Protein backbone atom coordinates (compact mmCIF):
# COMPACT_ATOMS: atom_id res chain seq x y z
CA MET A 1 85.47 75.79 3.53
CA LEU A 2 82.85 73.06 3.10
CA ILE A 3 82.24 71.66 -0.36
CA ASP A 4 79.59 69.25 -1.63
CA LEU A 5 80.91 65.69 -1.97
CA LYS A 6 77.81 63.78 -3.08
CA ASN A 7 79.02 63.71 -6.68
CA LYS A 8 82.45 62.44 -5.55
CA LEU A 9 81.39 59.29 -3.71
CA ASP A 10 83.36 57.11 -6.13
CA ASP A 11 86.62 59.05 -5.66
CA PRO A 12 89.12 56.89 -3.73
CA GLU A 13 90.09 59.71 -1.34
CA ILE A 14 86.43 60.35 -0.44
CA ALA A 15 85.82 56.62 0.04
CA GLU A 16 88.90 56.51 2.30
CA LEU A 17 87.57 59.36 4.46
CA LEU A 18 84.10 57.85 4.69
CA GLY A 19 85.78 54.57 5.61
CA TYR A 20 87.27 56.21 8.70
CA ALA A 21 83.77 57.31 9.74
CA VAL A 22 82.43 53.75 9.50
CA ILE A 23 85.51 52.25 11.16
CA ASP A 24 86.82 50.56 8.02
CA ASP A 25 83.89 48.15 7.72
CA PRO A 26 83.63 47.51 3.95
CA GLN A 27 79.94 46.52 4.13
CA GLU A 28 79.06 49.59 6.21
CA LEU A 29 81.08 51.79 3.84
CA GLU A 30 79.16 50.52 0.82
CA ARG A 31 75.84 50.92 2.62
CA ALA A 32 76.73 54.52 3.52
CA ARG A 33 77.81 55.31 -0.06
CA VAL A 34 74.52 53.94 -1.43
CA GLU A 35 72.48 55.91 1.11
CA TYR A 36 74.26 59.20 0.32
CA ARG A 37 73.90 58.55 -3.38
CA ASP A 38 70.22 57.52 -3.30
CA GLN A 39 68.66 59.63 -0.55
CA SER A 40 68.29 63.28 -1.46
CA ALA A 41 67.79 64.28 2.20
CA LEU A 42 71.31 63.10 3.07
CA GLN A 43 74.15 65.52 2.45
CA LEU A 44 77.87 64.86 2.35
CA ALA A 45 80.23 67.79 2.71
CA GLY A 46 83.99 67.98 2.93
CA TRP A 47 86.52 70.41 4.33
CA GLU A 48 89.00 71.34 1.63
CA GLU A 49 92.43 72.72 2.48
CA ASP A 50 94.92 73.59 -0.27
CA GLY A 51 93.01 71.47 -2.80
CA LEU A 52 92.89 68.38 -0.53
CA VAL A 53 89.75 67.15 1.20
CA VAL A 54 91.00 66.60 4.75
CA GLY A 55 87.66 65.86 6.41
CA LEU A 56 84.04 65.11 5.72
CA THR A 57 80.71 65.15 7.44
CA GLY A 58 77.48 63.47 6.46
CA PHE A 59 74.23 64.89 7.74
CA GLU A 60 70.50 65.13 7.26
CA GLU A 61 68.35 68.24 7.61
CA THR A 62 64.96 67.26 8.96
CA GLU A 63 61.61 68.96 8.44
CA ASP A 64 61.54 70.17 12.05
CA GLY A 65 64.67 72.26 11.52
CA SER A 66 67.16 69.92 13.12
CA LEU A 67 70.45 68.67 11.75
CA VAL A 68 71.36 65.01 12.33
CA LEU A 69 75.07 64.29 12.03
CA ARG A 70 75.54 60.81 10.60
CA HIS A 71 79.27 60.69 9.90
CA ILE A 72 82.33 62.79 10.60
CA ALA A 73 85.94 61.94 9.77
CA VAL A 74 89.30 63.64 9.34
CA LEU A 75 92.40 62.16 7.73
CA PRO A 76 94.61 60.71 10.50
CA GLU A 77 97.52 63.03 9.71
CA ASN A 78 95.21 66.06 10.04
CA ARG A 79 93.47 65.15 13.30
CA GLY A 80 93.82 67.51 16.21
CA LYS A 81 94.02 70.57 13.93
CA GLY A 82 90.43 71.72 14.39
CA TYR A 83 88.95 70.46 11.11
CA ALA A 84 86.10 68.48 12.71
CA ARG A 85 85.26 71.46 14.91
CA GLY A 86 85.41 73.74 11.86
CA MET A 87 83.04 71.53 9.88
CA ILE A 88 80.44 71.51 12.64
CA LEU A 89 80.73 75.25 13.25
CA GLU A 90 80.42 75.89 9.50
CA LEU A 91 77.28 73.72 9.38
CA LEU A 92 75.81 75.62 12.32
CA SER A 93 76.48 78.91 10.60
CA ALA A 94 75.37 77.91 7.10
CA ARG A 95 72.32 75.79 7.93
CA GLU A 96 71.09 77.56 11.11
CA PRO A 97 69.43 74.47 12.61
CA ARG A 98 67.15 74.58 15.65
CA TYR A 99 69.25 71.81 17.16
CA VAL A 100 71.91 69.27 16.17
CA LEU A 101 71.93 65.58 17.05
CA ALA A 102 74.81 63.13 16.91
CA GLU A 103 75.67 59.73 18.37
CA THR A 104 79.08 58.36 19.20
CA GLU A 105 80.41 55.12 20.63
CA ASP A 106 83.39 56.42 22.55
CA GLU A 107 84.24 58.80 25.35
CA ILE A 108 86.69 60.72 23.15
CA GLY A 109 83.87 61.50 20.72
CA ALA A 110 81.59 62.44 23.60
CA ASP A 111 84.26 64.80 24.96
CA PHE A 112 84.65 66.36 21.50
CA TYR A 113 80.94 67.13 21.32
CA ARG A 114 80.96 68.43 24.91
CA SER A 115 83.76 70.85 23.95
CA LEU A 116 81.43 72.34 21.31
CA GLY A 117 78.62 72.89 23.80
CA PHE A 118 76.64 69.71 23.14
CA MET A 119 74.83 68.04 26.01
CA VAL A 120 75.91 64.39 26.13
CA TYR A 121 73.70 61.58 27.41
CA SER A 122 74.64 57.95 27.83
CA LEU A 123 72.32 55.56 26.00
CA GLY A 124 73.90 52.59 27.75
CA ALA A 125 75.60 49.69 26.04
CA ASN A 126 74.64 48.73 22.50
CA ALA A 127 74.24 45.12 21.29
CA ALA A 128 78.04 44.79 21.08
CA GLY A 129 78.41 45.94 24.69
CA ILE A 130 79.84 49.34 23.74
CA GLU A 131 78.53 52.43 25.54
CA THR A 132 76.78 54.79 23.15
CA PHE A 133 76.23 58.51 23.68
CA ARG A 134 73.57 60.84 22.29
CA CYS A 135 74.87 64.37 21.78
CA VAL A 136 72.45 67.30 21.49
CA TYR A 137 73.20 70.91 20.66
CA GLU A 138 70.31 73.30 21.10
CA VAL A 139 70.71 76.64 19.37
CA ASP A 140 70.05 79.44 21.82
CA GLU A 141 67.32 81.75 20.48
CA SER A 142 69.59 84.75 21.13
CA GLU A 143 72.21 83.17 18.83
CA GLU A 144 69.70 83.16 15.97
CA GLU A 145 69.07 86.91 16.09
């Protein structure tokens, strides 16, 4: 079940999870924490299992009905158990977006999004020379009914 984490940004376990999403870059972690705290359009939700937050996802709902995934992370010892998939499916069910957008910088992430039905497009190499992928999930109109 997803729970709201915006009021828990200072909890060490939430900071640890968000740190995994920003690849343990302390400056990027602080920037992300400030953005989630200060921007009302940004949401931060966590997957709680037996009282422990094992994963989180940060996202923005836009005015056009889309959902932009900004961060997703699962504790290392809980990876491969379906928590990331569960968070995205729960967001799709609860928020009913027209489409979902995400970006990732690795083929494993791209394959994860493909497995959920996202279309994955290469954006080429970023400034650091790492290939970046844009992942798009369009909700089928028949799914909405």
